[in-house]
């Protein structure tokens, strides 16, 4: 097993007219719906450092929250050897 980390990139393409909630979403009522990435190795969660891009501001009624639209790139690292 090597030392250090390995990088990963995940690209989401959200259909026109749709959005997914950003991370952080910015509204506690939407926490369960915010985008999260879990990295699995051999079917088990691995320690990963995920870097989420800033979402676009959105509003629904009085609530303000952040969303991802179009193409979104999420990056991160996992321990080498995983």
Protein backbone atom coordinates (compact mmCIF):
# COMPACT_ATOMS: atom_id res chain seq x y z
CA UNK A 1 0.00 0.00 0.00
CA UNK A 2 1.32 3.42 -0.95
CA UNK A 3 1.28 6.55 1.12
CA UNK A 4 -0.38 9.84 0.30
CA UNK A 5 -3.66 10.43 -1.45
CA UNK A 6 -5.33 9.91 -4.79
CA UNK A 7 -7.56 12.52 -6.39
CA UNK A 8 -11.01 11.91 -7.83
CA UNK A 9 -13.40 13.99 -9.91
CA UNK A 10 -17.15 13.51 -10.15
CA UNK A 11 -19.09 15.40 -12.81
CA UNK A 12 -22.84 15.82 -12.46
CA UNK A 13 -24.95 16.89 -15.42
CA UNK A 14 -28.29 18.24 -14.26
CA UNK A 15 -31.02 18.38 -16.92
CA UNK A 16 -32.16 21.80 -18.10
CA UNK A 17 -34.92 23.18 -15.91
CA UNK A 18 -33.88 21.01 -12.94
CA UNK A 19 -31.51 21.45 -10.00
CA UNK A 20 -30.03 19.51 -7.08
CA UNK A 21 -29.39 21.08 -3.71
CA UNK A 22 -25.82 22.27 -3.16
CA UNK A 23 -23.50 21.41 -0.28
CA UNK A 24 -23.81 23.39 1.86
CA UNK A 25 -27.43 23.98 0.96
CA UNK A 26 -27.77 26.96 3.31
CA UNK A 27 -31.17 26.05 4.77
CA UNK A 28 -31.52 23.61 7.68
CA UNK A 29 -34.90 22.44 6.36
CA UNK A 30 -33.13 21.07 3.25
CA UNK A 31 -30.14 19.37 4.94
CA UNK A 32 -31.38 15.85 4.15
CA UNK A 33 -31.64 16.78 0.46
CA UNK A 34 -28.23 18.45 0.01
CA UNK A 35 -25.77 16.75 -2.34
CA UNK A 36 -23.37 14.40 -0.58
CA UNK A 37 -20.69 12.10 -1.97
CA UNK A 38 -19.77 8.81 -0.29
CA UNK A 39 -16.75 6.90 -1.61
CA UNK A 40 -16.99 3.12 -1.28
CA UNK A 41 -14.08 0.69 -1.42
CA UNK A 42 -15.03 -2.96 -1.50
CA UNK A 43 -18.58 -1.97 -0.60
CA UNK A 44 -17.52 -0.13 2.56
CA UNK A 45 -17.30 3.65 3.09
CA UNK A 46 -13.74 4.97 2.74
CA UNK A 47 -12.33 8.08 4.36
CA UNK A 48 -12.55 10.73 1.67
CA UNK A 49 -12.09 14.47 1.66
CA UNK A 50 -14.75 15.89 -0.65
CA UNK A 51 -14.60 19.45 -1.97
CA UNK A 52 -18.00 20.73 -3.03
CA UNK A 53 -18.26 23.76 -5.33
CA UNK A 54 -20.24 26.79 -4.27
CA UNK A 55 -23.88 26.53 -5.29
CA UNK A 56 -25.96 29.11 -7.12
CA UNK A 57 -28.27 31.17 -4.90
CA UNK A 58 -31.97 30.30 -5.14
CA UNK A 59 -35.07 31.25 -3.20
CA UNK A 60 -38.46 29.69 -2.59
CA UNK A 61 -40.84 31.85 -0.62
CA UNK A 62 -38.87 33.26 2.31
CA UNK A 63 -36.26 30.48 2.27
CA UNK A 64 -32.89 31.07 0.65
CA UNK A 65 -30.76 28.13 -0.38
CA UNK A 66 -28.08 27.08 -2.86
CA UNK A 67 -28.43 24.75 -5.84
CA UNK A 68 -26.36 23.13 -8.56
CA UNK A 69 -27.57 23.50 -12.14
CA UNK A 70 -26.06 22.45 -15.47
CA UNK A 71 -22.67 20.76 -15.20
CA UNK A 72 -21.11 20.57 -11.73
CA UNK A 73 -17.68 19.20 -10.83
CA UNK A 74 -17.05 17.77 -7.36
CA UNK A 75 -13.48 16.83 -6.45
CA UNK A 76 -11.78 15.13 -3.56
CA UNK A 77 -9.10 12.80 -2.33
CA UNK A 78 -8.93 9.31 -0.84
CA UNK A 79 -5.96 7.62 0.82
CA UNK A 80 -3.57 6.04 -1.70
CA UNK A 81 -4.00 2.31 -2.11
CA UNK A 82 -7.79 2.62 -1.97
